[in-house]
C-alpha atoms as a PDB file:
ATOM      1  CA  MET A   1      -0.111   0.111   0.053  1.00  0.00           C
ATOM      2  CA  THR A   2       0.863   3.384  -0.556  1.00  0.00           C
ATOM      3  CA  LEU A   3      -0.470   6.905  -0.822  1.00  0.00           C
ATOM      4  CA  ILE A   4      -0.316   9.096  -3.959  1.00  0.00           C
ATOM      5  CA  LEU A   5      -2.662  12.540  -4.254  1.00  0.00           C
ATOM      6  CA  ALA A   6      -3.289  14.547  -6.936  1.00  0.00           C
ATOM      7  CA  CYS A   7      -5.359  17.724  -5.689  1.00  0.00           C
ATOM      8  CA  ARG A   8      -6.162  20.679  -8.221  1.00  0.00           C
ATOM      9  CA  PHE A   9      -6.143  23.962  -6.247  1.00  0.00           C
ATOM     10  CA  LEU A  10      -7.345  27.200  -7.727  1.00  0.00           C
ATOM     11  CA  LYS A  11      -4.188  27.805  -9.974  1.00  0.00           C
ATOM     12  CA  THR A  12      -2.154  24.935  -9.215  1.00  0.00           C
ATOM     13  CA  THR A  13      -2.169  20.825  -9.017  1.00  0.00           C
ATOM     14  CA  ALA A  14      -0.184  19.458  -6.304  1.00  0.00           C
ATOM     15  CA  VAL A  15       0.769  16.104  -6.779  1.00  0.00           C
ATOM     16  CA  ILE A  16       2.154  14.334  -3.142  1.00  0.00           C
ATOM     17  CA  ALA A  17       3.384  10.960  -2.331  1.00  0.00           C
ATOM     18  CA  ASP A  18       5.037   8.720   0.605  1.00  0.00           C
ATOM     19  CA  CYS A  19       8.274   6.890  -0.479  1.00  0.00           C
ATOM     20  CA  ARG A  20       7.546   3.578   1.940  1.00  0.00           C
ATOM     21  CA  VAL A  21       8.035   0.228   0.334  1.00  0.00           C
ATOM     22  CA  SER A  22       6.203  -2.626   2.278  1.00  0.00           C
ATOM     23  CA  TYR A  23       6.438  -6.543   1.318  1.00  0.00           C
ATOM     24  CA  GLU A  24       4.115  -9.021   1.081  1.00  0.00           C
ATOM     25  CA  GLY A  25       4.177 -11.437   4.298  1.00  0.00           C
ATOM     26  CA  ASN A  26       7.112  -9.656   5.686  1.00  0.00           C
ATOM     27  CA  GLN A  27       6.864  -6.821   8.574  1.00  0.00           C
ATOM     28  CA  ALA A  28       9.981  -4.787   7.022  1.00  0.00           C
ATOM     29  CA  VAL A  29       9.721  -1.522   5.550  1.00  0.00           C
ATOM     30  CA  ASP A  30      12.034   0.625   3.701  1.00  0.00           C
ATOM     31  CA  ASP A  31      11.566   4.402   3.404  1.00  0.00           C
ATOM     32  CA  ASN A  32      13.396   5.279   0.334  1.00  0.00           C
ATOM     33  CA  LEU A  33      11.539   5.041  -3.125  1.00  0.00           C
ATOM     34  CA  GLN A  34      10.769   7.846  -5.407  1.00  0.00           C
ATOM     35  CA  LYS A  35       7.242   7.435  -6.448  1.00  0.00           C
ATOM     36  CA  LEU A  36       6.722  10.633  -8.631  1.00  0.00           C
ATOM     37  CA  TYR A  37       8.325  11.193 -12.065  1.00  0.00           C
ATOM     38  CA  GLN A  38       8.831  14.369 -13.989  1.00  0.00           C
ATOM     39  CA  ILE A  39       8.709  13.930 -17.815  1.00  0.00           C
ATOM     40  CA  ASP A  40       9.319  16.724 -20.401  1.00  0.00           C
ATOM     41  CA  GLY A  41       8.563  19.541 -18.076  1.00  0.00           C
ATOM     42  CA  LYS A  42       4.997  19.162 -18.542  1.00  0.00           C
ATOM     43  CA  ILE A  43       3.828  15.817 -16.941  1.00  0.00           C
ATOM     44  CA  VAL A  44       4.125  14.525 -13.401  1.00  0.00           C
ATOM     45  CA  LEU A  45       3.974  10.538 -12.854  1.00  0.00           C
ATOM     46  CA  GLY A  46       2.964   8.859  -9.914  1.00  0.00           C
ATOM     47  CA  PHE A  47       2.231   5.184  -8.964  1.00  0.00           C
ATOM     48  CA  SER A  48       1.261   3.244  -6.387  1.00  0.00           C
ATOM     49  CA  GLY A  49       1.076  -0.816  -6.235  1.00  0.00           C
ATOM     50  CA  PRO A  50       3.759  -3.519  -6.849  1.00  0.00           C
ATOM     51  CA  LEU A  51       7.174  -2.337  -7.713  1.00  0.00           C
ATOM     52  CA  CYS A  52       8.164  -4.717 -10.130  1.00  0.00           C
ATOM     53  CA  GLY A  53       5.287  -3.817 -12.202  1.00  0.00           C
ATOM     54  CA  ALA A  54       5.552   0.065 -11.625  1.00  0.00           C
ATOM     55  CA  ALA A  55       9.169  -0.611 -12.761  1.00  0.00           C
ATOM     56  CA  GLN A  56       8.270  -2.421 -16.410  1.00  0.00           C
ATOM     57  CA  VAL A  57       5.734   0.577 -17.066  1.00  0.00           C
ATOM     58  CA  ILE A  58       8.007   3.391 -15.949  1.00  0.00           C
ATOM     59  CA  ASP A  59      10.839   2.176 -18.195  1.00  0.00           C
ATOM     60  CA  ARG A  60       8.733   1.999 -21.221  1.00  0.00           C
ATOM     61  CA  VAL A  61       7.581   5.409 -20.537  1.00  0.00           C
ATOM     62  CA  ARG A  62      11.446   6.854 -20.141  1.00  0.00           C
ATOM     63  CA  LYS A  63      12.095   4.934 -23.199  1.00  0.00           C
ATOM     64  CA  ASN A  64       9.431   6.267 -25.466  1.00  0.00           C
ATOM     65  CA  SER A  65       9.568   9.720 -24.143  1.00  0.00           C
ATOM     66  CA  SER A  66      13.432  10.138 -24.988  1.00  0.00           C
ATOM     67  CA  ASN A  67      12.392   9.201 -28.503  1.00  0.00           C
ATOM     68  CA  TYR A  68       9.262  11.332 -29.065  1.00  0.00           C
ATOM     69  CA  GLY A  69       8.693  12.388 -32.357  1.00  0.00           C
ATOM     70  CA  ARG A  70       5.607  14.514 -31.955  1.00  0.00           C
ATOM     71  CA  ARG A  71       5.131  18.092 -30.828  1.00  0.00           C
ATOM     72  CA  ARG A  72       5.961  18.164 -27.235  1.00  0.00           C
ATOM     73  CA  THR A  73       2.683  19.685 -26.156  1.00  0.00           C
ATOM     74  CA  ALA A  74       1.139  18.994 -22.602  1.00  0.00           C
ATOM     75  CA  ASP A  75      -1.962  17.507 -24.346  1.00  0.00           C
ATOM     76  CA  ASN A  76      -0.037  15.424 -26.990  1.00  0.00           C
ATOM     77  CA  LEU A  77       2.005  13.930 -23.894  1.00  0.00           C
ATOM     78  CA  LEU A  78      -0.552  13.115 -21.665  1.00  0.00           C
ATOM     79  CA  ARG A  79      -2.409  10.943 -24.239  1.00  0.00           C
ATOM     80  CA  ASP A  80       0.491   9.264 -25.561  1.00  0.00           C
ATOM     81  CA  ILE A  81       1.990   8.405 -21.947  1.00  0.00           C
ATOM     82  CA  GLU A  82      -1.406   7.383 -21.187  1.00  0.00           C
ATOM     83  CA  ARG A  83      -1.607   4.840 -24.383  1.00  0.00           C
ATOM     84  CA  TRP A  84       1.987   3.572 -23.361  1.00  0.00           C
ATOM     85  CA  ILE A  85       0.754   3.109 -19.859  1.00  0.00           C
ATOM     86  CA  LEU A  86      -2.097   0.949 -21.054  1.00  0.00           C
ATOM     87  CA  ALA A  87       0.197  -0.832 -23.697  1.00  0.00           C
ATOM     88  CA  GLU A  88       2.877  -1.956 -20.890  1.00  0.00           C
ATOM     89  CA  TYR A  89       0.443  -3.108 -17.970  1.00  0.00           C
ATOM     90  CA  ARG A  90      -1.005  -5.561 -20.386  1.00  0.00           C
ATOM     91  CA  GLN A  91       2.435  -6.960 -20.851  1.00  0.00           C
ATOM     92  CA  ILE A  92       3.249  -7.733 -17.190  1.00  0.00           C
ATOM     93  CA  GLU A  93       3.348 -11.351 -17.436  1.00  0.00           C
ATOM     94  CA  ASN A  94       3.216 -11.908 -13.319  1.00  0.00           C
ATOM     95  CA  PRO A  95      -0.674 -11.182 -12.343  1.00  0.00           C
ATOM     96  CA  ILE A  96       1.211 -10.465  -9.037  1.00  0.00           C
ATOM     97  CA  HIS A  97       3.392  -7.640 -10.447  1.00  0.00           C
ATOM     98  CA  ARG A  98       0.023  -5.943 -11.451  1.00  0.00           C
ATOM     99  CA  ARG A  99      -2.491  -6.435  -8.564  1.00  0.00           C
ATOM    100  CA  ASN A 100      -3.687  -2.890  -7.297  1.00  0.00           C
ATOM    101  CA  LEU A 101      -1.034  -1.318  -9.686  1.00  0.00           C
ATOM    102  CA  SER A 102      -2.480   1.804 -10.449  1.00  0.00           C
ATOM    103  CA  PHE A 103      -1.188   5.358 -11.593  1.00  0.00           C
ATOM    104  CA  VAL A 104      -2.101   9.087 -11.536  1.00  0.00           C
ATOM    105  CA  LEU A 105      -0.783  11.993 -14.188  1.00  0.00           C
ATOM    106  CA  ALA A 106      -1.205  15.385 -13.896  1.00  0.00           C
ATOM    107  CA  SER A 107      -0.229  17.860 -16.899  1.00  0.00           C
ATOM    108  CA  VAL A 108       0.683  21.702 -17.077  1.00  0.00           C
ATOM    109  CA  GLU A 109       0.979  23.709 -20.282  1.00  0.00           C
ATOM    110  CA  PRO A 110       3.274  26.541 -18.699  1.00  0.00           C
ATOM    111  CA  GLY A 111       1.944  29.922 -19.967  1.00  0.00           C
ATOM    112  CA  ARG A 112      -0.993  28.761 -21.660  1.00  0.00           C
ATOM    113  CA  PRO A 113      -4.793  29.692 -20.081  1.00  0.00           C
ATOM    114  CA  VAL A 114      -7.071  27.984 -19.836  1.00  0.00           C
ATOM    115  CA  ARG A 115     -10.085  28.507 -22.617  1.00  0.00           C
ATOM    116  CA  SER A 116     -13.424  28.583 -20.938  1.00  0.00           C
ATOM    117  CA  THR A 117     -16.345  30.622 -20.779  1.00  0.00           C
ATOM    118  CA  TRP A 118     -17.647  31.572 -17.462  1.00  0.00           C
ATOM    119  CA  ARG A 119     -21.450  31.350 -16.557  1.00  0.00           C
ATOM    120  CA  SER A 120     -24.049  32.503 -13.805  1.00  0.00           C
ATOM    121  CA  GLN A 121     -26.242  29.930 -11.697  1.00  0.00           C
ATOM    122  CA  ASP A 122     -28.880  30.546 -14.605  1.00  0.00           C
ATOM    123  CA  GLY A 123     -26.370  29.536 -17.445  1.00  0.00           C
ATOM    124  CA  THR A 124     -25.909  33.095 -18.458  1.00  0.00           C
ATOM    125  CA  ALA A 125     -22.240  33.811 -20.035  1.00  0.00           C
ATOM    126  CA  THR A 126     -20.374  36.479 -17.549  1.00  0.00           C
ATOM    127  CA  PRO A 127     -17.319  38.114 -17.667  1.00  0.00           C
ATOM    128  CA  THR A 128     -14.186  36.074 -17.072  1.00  0.00           C
ATOM    129  CA  PRO A 129     -12.504  37.380 -13.930  1.00  0.00           C
ATOM    130  CA  SER A 130      -9.298  39.254 -14.395  1.00  0.00           C
ATOM    131  CA  TRP A 131      -6.935  36.656 -12.672  1.00  0.00           C
ATOM    132  CA  TYR A 132      -8.321  33.809 -14.789  1.00  0.00           C
ATOM    133  CA  ALA A 133      -5.984  34.791 -17.143  1.00  0.00           C
ATOM    134  CA  ARG A 134      -2.925  33.547 -14.706  1.00  0.00           C
ATOM    135  CA  VAL A 135      -4.394  29.928 -14.536  1.00  0.00           C
ATOM    136  CA  PRO A 136      -2.621  27.505 -16.757  1.00  0.00           C
ATOM    137  CA  GLU A 137      -3.868  24.316 -18.642  1.00  0.00           C
ATOM    138  CA  LEU A 138      -4.180  21.796 -15.898  1.00  0.00           C
ATOM    139  CA  HIS A 139      -5.376  18.549 -16.153  1.00  0.00           C
ATOM    140  CA  THR A 140      -5.171  14.910 -13.918  1.00  0.00           C
ATOM    141  CA  LEU A 141      -6.140  11.668 -14.612  1.00  0.00           C
ATOM    142  CA  THR A 142      -5.671   7.930 -12.867  1.00  0.00           C
ATOM    143  CA  LEU A 143      -5.685   4.619 -14.445  1.00  0.00           C
ATOM    144  CA  ARG A 144      -6.546   1.952 -12.001  1.00  0.00           C
ATOM    145  CA  PRO A 145      -7.475  -1.909 -12.399  1.00  0.00           C
ATOM    146  CA  SER A 146     -10.812  -2.425 -13.743  1.00  0.00           C
ATOM    147  CA  ASP A 147     -12.754  -4.104 -11.368  1.00  0.00           C
ATOM    148  CA  ARG A 148     -14.094  -6.605 -14.269  1.00  0.00           C
ATOM    149  CA  ASP A 149     -10.887  -7.274 -16.040  1.00  0.00           C
ATOM    150  CA  PRO A 150      -7.687  -6.427 -13.745  1.00  0.00           C
ATOM    151  CA  GLY A 151      -5.681  -7.191 -16.884  1.00  0.00           C
ATOM    152  CA  ARG A 152      -6.560  -3.788 -18.189  1.00  0.00           C
ATOM    153  CA  LEU A 153      -6.499  -0.278 -16.583  1.00  0.00           C
ATOM    154  CA  VAL A 154      -9.501   2.340 -16.647  1.00  0.00           C
ATOM    155  CA  GLU A 155      -9.103   6.071 -16.938  1.00  0.00           C
ATOM    156  CA  ASP A 156     -11.130   8.163 -14.489  1.00  0.00           C
ATOM    157  CA  LYS A 157     -10.690  12.187 -14.744  1.00  0.00           C
ATOM    158  CA  ALA A 158     -13.473  12.880 -12.533  1.00  0.00           C
ATOM    159  CA  GLY A 159     -12.992  15.012  -9.106  1.00  0.00           C
ATOM    160  CA  LEU A 160     -10.766  17.615  -8.153  1.00  0.00           C
ATOM    161  CA  CYS A 161      -8.774  15.485  -5.816  1.00  0.00           C
ATOM    162  CA  LYS A 162      -7.649  12.279  -6.600  1.00  0.00           C
ATOM    163  CA  VAL A 163      -6.101   9.745  -3.919  1.00  0.00           C
ATOM    164  CA  LEU A 164      -4.338   6.215  -4.828  1.00  0.00           C
ATOM    165  CA  GLY A 165      -3.259   3.456  -2.631  1.00  0.00           C
ATOM    166  CA  VAL A 166      -5.031   3.657   0.469  1.00  0.00           C
ATOM    167  CA  GLY A 167      -8.561   1.717   1.735  1.00  0.00           C
ATOM    168  CA  HIS A 168     -11.697   3.703   1.275  1.00  0.00           C
ATOM    169  CA  HIS A 169     -11.564   4.747   4.952  1.00  0.00           C
ATOM    170  CA  ALA A 170      -8.627   6.055   4.801  1.00  0.00           C
ATOM    171  CA  ARG A 171      -9.510   8.114   1.542  1.00  0.00           C
ATOM    172  CA  ASP A 172     -12.533   9.523   3.108  1.00  0.00           C
ATOM    173  CA  GLN A 173     -10.786  11.085   5.862  1.00  0.00           C
ATOM    174  CA  ILE A 174      -7.750  12.317   3.508  1.00  0.00           C
ATOM    175  CA  GLU A 175     -10.392  14.102   1.399  1.00  0.00           C
ATOM    176  CA  ALA A 176     -11.839  15.279   4.437  1.00  0.00           C
ATOM    177  CA  GLN A 177      -8.524  16.848   5.502  1.00  0.00           C
ATOM    178  CA  ILE A 178      -8.030  18.474   2.180  1.00  0.00           C
ATOM    179  CA  ARG A 179     -11.172  20.061   2.207  1.00  0.00           C
ATOM    180  CA  GLU A 180     -10.308  21.921   5.063  1.00  0.00           C
ATOM    181  CA  LEU A 181      -6.919  23.071   3.612  1.00  0.00           C
ATOM    182  CA  TYR A 182      -8.289  23.925   0.478  1.00  0.00           C
ATOM    183  CA  GLY A 183      -8.295  27.284   0.934  1.00  0.00           C
ATOM    184  CA  PHE A 184      -5.153  27.588   3.247  1.00  0.00           C
ATOM    185  CA  SER A 185      -3.058  29.650   1.149  1.00  0.00           C
ATOM    186  CA  PHE A 186      -3.665  30.271  -2.721  1.00  0.00           C
ATOM    187  CA  ARG A 187      -1.430  32.961  -2.958  1.00  0.00           C
ATOM    188  CA  HIS A 188       1.466  30.525  -1.990  1.00  0.00           C
ATOM    189  CA  PRO A 189       0.758  27.182  -3.646  1.00  0.00           C
ATOM    190  CA  GLY A 190       4.233  25.995  -2.647  1.00  0.00           C
ATOM    191  CA  SER A 191       3.066  26.495   0.953  1.00  0.00           C
ATOM    192  CA  GLN A 192      -0.509  25.036   0.486  1.00  0.00           C
ATOM    193  CA  ALA A 193       1.261  21.670  -0.913  1.00  0.00           C
ATOM    194  CA  VAL A 194       3.872  21.185   2.069  1.00  0.00           C
ATOM    195  CA  VAL A 195       1.214  22.249   4.674  1.00  0.00           C
ATOM    196  CA  VAL A 196      -1.395  19.552   2.852  1.00  0.00           C
ATOM    197  CA  ALA A 197       1.685  16.792   2.948  1.00  0.00           C
ATOM    198  CA  GLN A 198       2.805  17.421   6.570  1.00  0.00           C
ATOM    199  CA  ALA A 199      -0.954  16.980   7.766  1.00  0.00           C
ATOM    200  CA  LEU A 200      -1.230  13.948   5.500  1.00  0.00           C
ATOM    201  CA  MET A 201       1.699  12.250   7.086  1.00  0.00           C
ATOM    202  CA  GLY A 202       0.413  13.160  10.617  1.00  0.00           C
ATOM    203  CA  LEU A 203      -3.017  11.795   9.799  1.00  0.00           C
ATOM    204  CA  CYS A 204      -1.736   8.402   8.602  1.00  0.00           C
ATOM    205  CA  MET A 205       0.589   8.083  11.733  1.00  0.00           C
ATOM    206  CA  GLU A 206      -2.791   8.685  13.648  1.00  0.00           C
ATOM    207  CA  MET A 207      -4.464   5.924  11.602  1.00  0.00           C
ATOM    208  CA  GLN A 208      -1.538   3.743  11.747  1.00  0.00           C
ATOM    209  CA  ILE A 209      -1.609   2.930   8.194  1.00  0.00           C
ATOM    210  CA  GLY A 210       1.947   0.761   8.441  1.00  0.00           C
ATOM    211  CA  THR A 211       2.606   0.803   4.531  1.00  0.00           C
ATOM    212  CA  VAL A 212       2.387   4.575   4.417  1.00  0.00           C
ATOM    213  CA  GLY A 213       5.672   6.302   5.864  1.00  0.00           C
ATOM    214  CA  GLY A 214       8.645   8.476   5.236  1.00  0.00           C
ATOM    215  CA  LEU A 215       8.691  11.826   4.229  1.00  0.00           C
ATOM    216  CA  PHE A 216       6.010  12.770   1.379  1.00  0.00           C
ATOM    217  CA  GLN A 217       7.519  14.123  -2.042  1.00  0.00           C
ATOM    218  CA  VAL A 218       5.823  17.411  -2.919  1.00  0.00           C
ATOM    219  CA  VAL A 219       5.373  18.612  -6.533  1.00  0.00           C
ATOM    220  CA  VAL A 220       3.801  21.641  -7.791  1.00  0.00           C
ATOM    221  CA  LEU A 221       2.507  22.320 -11.401  1.00  0.00           C
ATOM    222  CA  GLY A 222       1.291  25.715 -12.274  1.00  0.00           C
ATOM    223  CA  ARG A 223       1.737  28.797 -15.003  1.00  0.00           C
ATOM    224  CA  ASN A 224       5.881  28.576 -14.314  1.00  0.00           C
ATOM    225  CA  GLY A 225       5.743  24.839 -15.043  1.00  0.00           C
ATOM    226  CA  ILE A 226       6.949  22.116 -12.486  1.00  0.00           C
ATOM    227  CA  HIS A 227       8.179  22.586  -8.974  1.00  0.00           C
ATOM    228  CA  TRP A 228       9.509  20.239  -6.801  1.00  0.00           C
ATOM    229  CA  PHE A 229       9.716  21.361  -2.890  1.00  0.00           C
ATOM    230  CA  SER A 230      11.888  20.974  -0.008  1.00  0.00           C
ATOM    231  CA  TYR A 231      10.799  21.259   3.245  1.00  0.00           C
ATOM    232  CA  GLY A 232      11.468  20.385   7.057  1.00  0.00           C
ATOM    233  CA  GLY A 233      10.678  20.999  10.685  1.00  0.00           C
ATOM    234  CA  GLY A 234      13.157  20.568  13.754  1.00  0.00           C
ATOM    235  CA  ASP A 235      16.062  18.336  13.166  1.00  0.00           C
ATOM    236  CA  VAL A 236      14.368  16.634  10.271  1.00  0.00           C
ATOM    237  CA  ALA A 237      14.313  17.580   6.285  1.00  0.00           C
ATOM    238  CA  LEU A 238      13.569  16.677   2.623  1.00  0.00           C
ATOM    239  CA  ARG A 239      16.066  18.215   0.558  1.00  0.00           C
ATOM    240  CA  LEU A 240      16.561  18.315  -3.194  1.00  0.00           C
ATOM    241  CA  GLU A 241      20.277  17.636  -3.600  1.00  0.00           C
ATOM    242  CA  LYS A 242      21.741  16.761  -7.204  1.00  0.00           C
ATOM    243  CA  GLY A 243      18.293  16.573  -8.806  1.00  0.00           C
ATOM    244  CA  GLY A 244      17.340  14.170  -6.094  1.00  0.00           C
ATOM    245  CA  TYR A 245      15.315  14.042  -2.744  1.00  0.00           C
ATOM    246  CA  VAL A 246      17.272  12.938   0.256  1.00  0.00           C
ATOM    247  CA  GLN A 247      15.619  12.616   3.886  1.00  0.00           C
ATOM    248  CA  VAL A 248      18.231  14.041   6.547  1.00  0.00           C
ATOM    249  CA  ASN A 249      18.216  13.984  10.157  1.00  0.00           C
ATOM    250  CA  ASP A 250      20.516  16.857  11.251  1.00  0.00           C
ATOM    251  CA  ALA A 251      20.425  15.565  15.042  1.00  0.00           C
ATOM    252  CA  THR A 252      21.616  12.156  14.085  1.00  0.00           C
ATOM    253  CA  GLY A 253      23.832  12.485  11.092  1.00  0.00           C
ATOM    254  CA  ARG A 254      21.416  10.178   8.870  1.00  0.00           C
ATOM    255  CA  ARG A 255      20.799  10.650   4.993  1.00  0.00           C
ATOM    256  CA  VAL A 256      18.396   8.683   3.221  1.00  0.00           C
ATOM    257  CA  PRO A 257      18.005   9.353  -0.484  1.00  0.00           C
ATOM    258  CA  LEU A 258      15.098   8.383  -2.488  1.00  0.00           C
ATOM    259  CA  ALA A 259      15.798   5.752  -5.180  1.00  0.00           C
ATOM    260  CA  THR A 260      14.247   5.709  -8.352  1.00  0.00           C
ATOM    261  CA  THR A 261      12.431   2.573  -9.582  1.00  0.00           C
ATOM    262  CA  TRP A 262      15.080   1.540 -12.141  1.00  0.00           C
ATOM    263  CA  ASP A 263      18.156   1.945  -9.380  1.00  0.00           C
ATOM    264  CA  TRP A 264      15.846   0.161  -6.720  1.00  0.00           C
ATOM    265  CA  THR A 265      15.558  -3.152  -8.849  1.00  0.00           C
ATOM    266  CA  ALA A 266      19.103  -2.653 -10.135  1.00  0.00           C
ATOM    267  CA  ASN A 267      20.616  -2.366  -6.548  1.00  0.00           C
ATOM    268  CA  HIS A 268      17.911  -4.216  -4.394  1.00  0.00           C
ATOM    269  CA  ARG A 269      18.889  -4.989  -0.663  1.00  0.00           C
ATOM    270  CA  PRO A 270      17.499  -7.080   1.479  1.00  0.00           C
ATOM    271  CA  PRO A 271      14.186  -5.942   3.177  1.00  0.00           C
ATOM    272  CA  GLY A 272      14.499  -3.671   5.842  1.00  0.00           C
ATOM    273  CA  SER A 273      18.211  -2.643   4.907  1.00  0.00           C
ATOM    274  CA  THR A 274      16.673   1.116   5.072  1.00  0.00           C
ATOM    275  CA  ALA A 275      14.242   0.864   7.630  1.00  0.00           C
ATOM    276  CA  VAL A 276      11.969   3.504   8.552  1.00  0.00           C
ATOM    277  CA  PHE A 277      12.324   7.276   8.546  1.00  0.00           C
ATOM    278  CA  GLU A 278      10.010   9.714  10.262  1.00  0.00           C
ATOM    279  CA  ASP A 279       9.913  12.874  11.919  1.00  0.00           C
ATOM    280  CA  PRO A 280      10.241  12.278  15.807  1.00  0.00           C
ATOM    281  CA  GLY A 281       8.494  15.351  16.462  1.00  0.00           C
ATOM    282  CA  LEU A 282       5.677  14.388  14.506  1.00  0.00           C
ATOM    283  CA  ARG A 283       5.803  11.307  15.956  1.00  0.00           C
ATOM    284  CA  THR A 284       5.503  12.199  19.710  1.00  0.00           C
ATOM    285  CA  ALA A 285       2.870  14.981  19.031  1.00  0.00           C
ATOM    286  CA  ILE A 286       0.391  12.388  17.871  1.00  0.00           C
ATOM    287  CA  ASP A 287       1.292   9.842  20.060  1.00  0.00           C
ATOM    288  CA  GLY A 288       0.831  12.432  22.606  1.00  0.00           C
ATOM    289  CA  GLN A 289      -2.744  13.392  20.882  1.00  0.00           C
ATOM    290  CA  LYS A 290      -3.488   9.631  21.212  1.00  0.00           C
ATOM    291  CA  GLY A 291      -2.663   9.778  24.909  1.00  0.00           C
ATOM    292  CA  ARG A 292      -4.933  12.378  25.670  1.00  0.00           C
ATOM    293  CA  GLY A 293      -7.849  11.043  23.800  1.00  0.00           C
ATOM    294  CA  ASP A 294      -7.291   7.598  25.610  1.00  0.00           C
ATOM    295  CA  ALA A 295      -7.164   9.237  29.090  1.00  0.00           C
ATOM    296  CA  GLY A 296     -10.335  11.270  27.914  1.00  0.00           C
END
């Protein structure tokens, strides 16, 4: 299990992911997997589910995008990457490697505003607000296994908030958390996304979702393109170094880089080699809240 969130805010889309790897039939976990990938400066791809299947699909996307012959618009890339994912998913031979394997795609066309007609509640066309010219063309979609045919992925474009990986109960609580934070800081979308990520880390700890963990990756798509965010609190931080994320605990000196799917499969180590990486201050706060709740 994992947590991937793609949420459309007023002028941006935030994509957030945990970094935990869990193992079927094994209690060990490793908090060191990169689950979000940028393609050509206009697409962010995230996945949840078996690492072997995801690695096969992502390798196909990487190879095809490096030899892309069409005009590199966000629309073209989004359509073609979706097609590549669907095709490679069908090529996964081991059913275990595609069980619950799901993907999210978010796109942005920097500098190109959305073309739309604004209407009042009675359907009458109204002048477009002056600020709307600064809203880029943004799209998100998810691809999940079909209930009727698990060997096929189906597309879902509905909703402003898309959650992959966790069960329905956790998803409901996560969506409720997002609604509370939706209007937190429209003027500072990076700060808004980081606050959402930190709130979700606390929520997953509180719900004791053992298969979700590590510091959450945060990417924001907006009118200036795609931006990856660093953040921290106390002695713990998620930092961007040499084009990749590194989890850092300055108090202990521990550093845990996030590995790509291709690095992970090429240099696989025994389960639990990296183990848990979490914010001890957040853990203390969550445990304190739980203790007060139990005492009450």
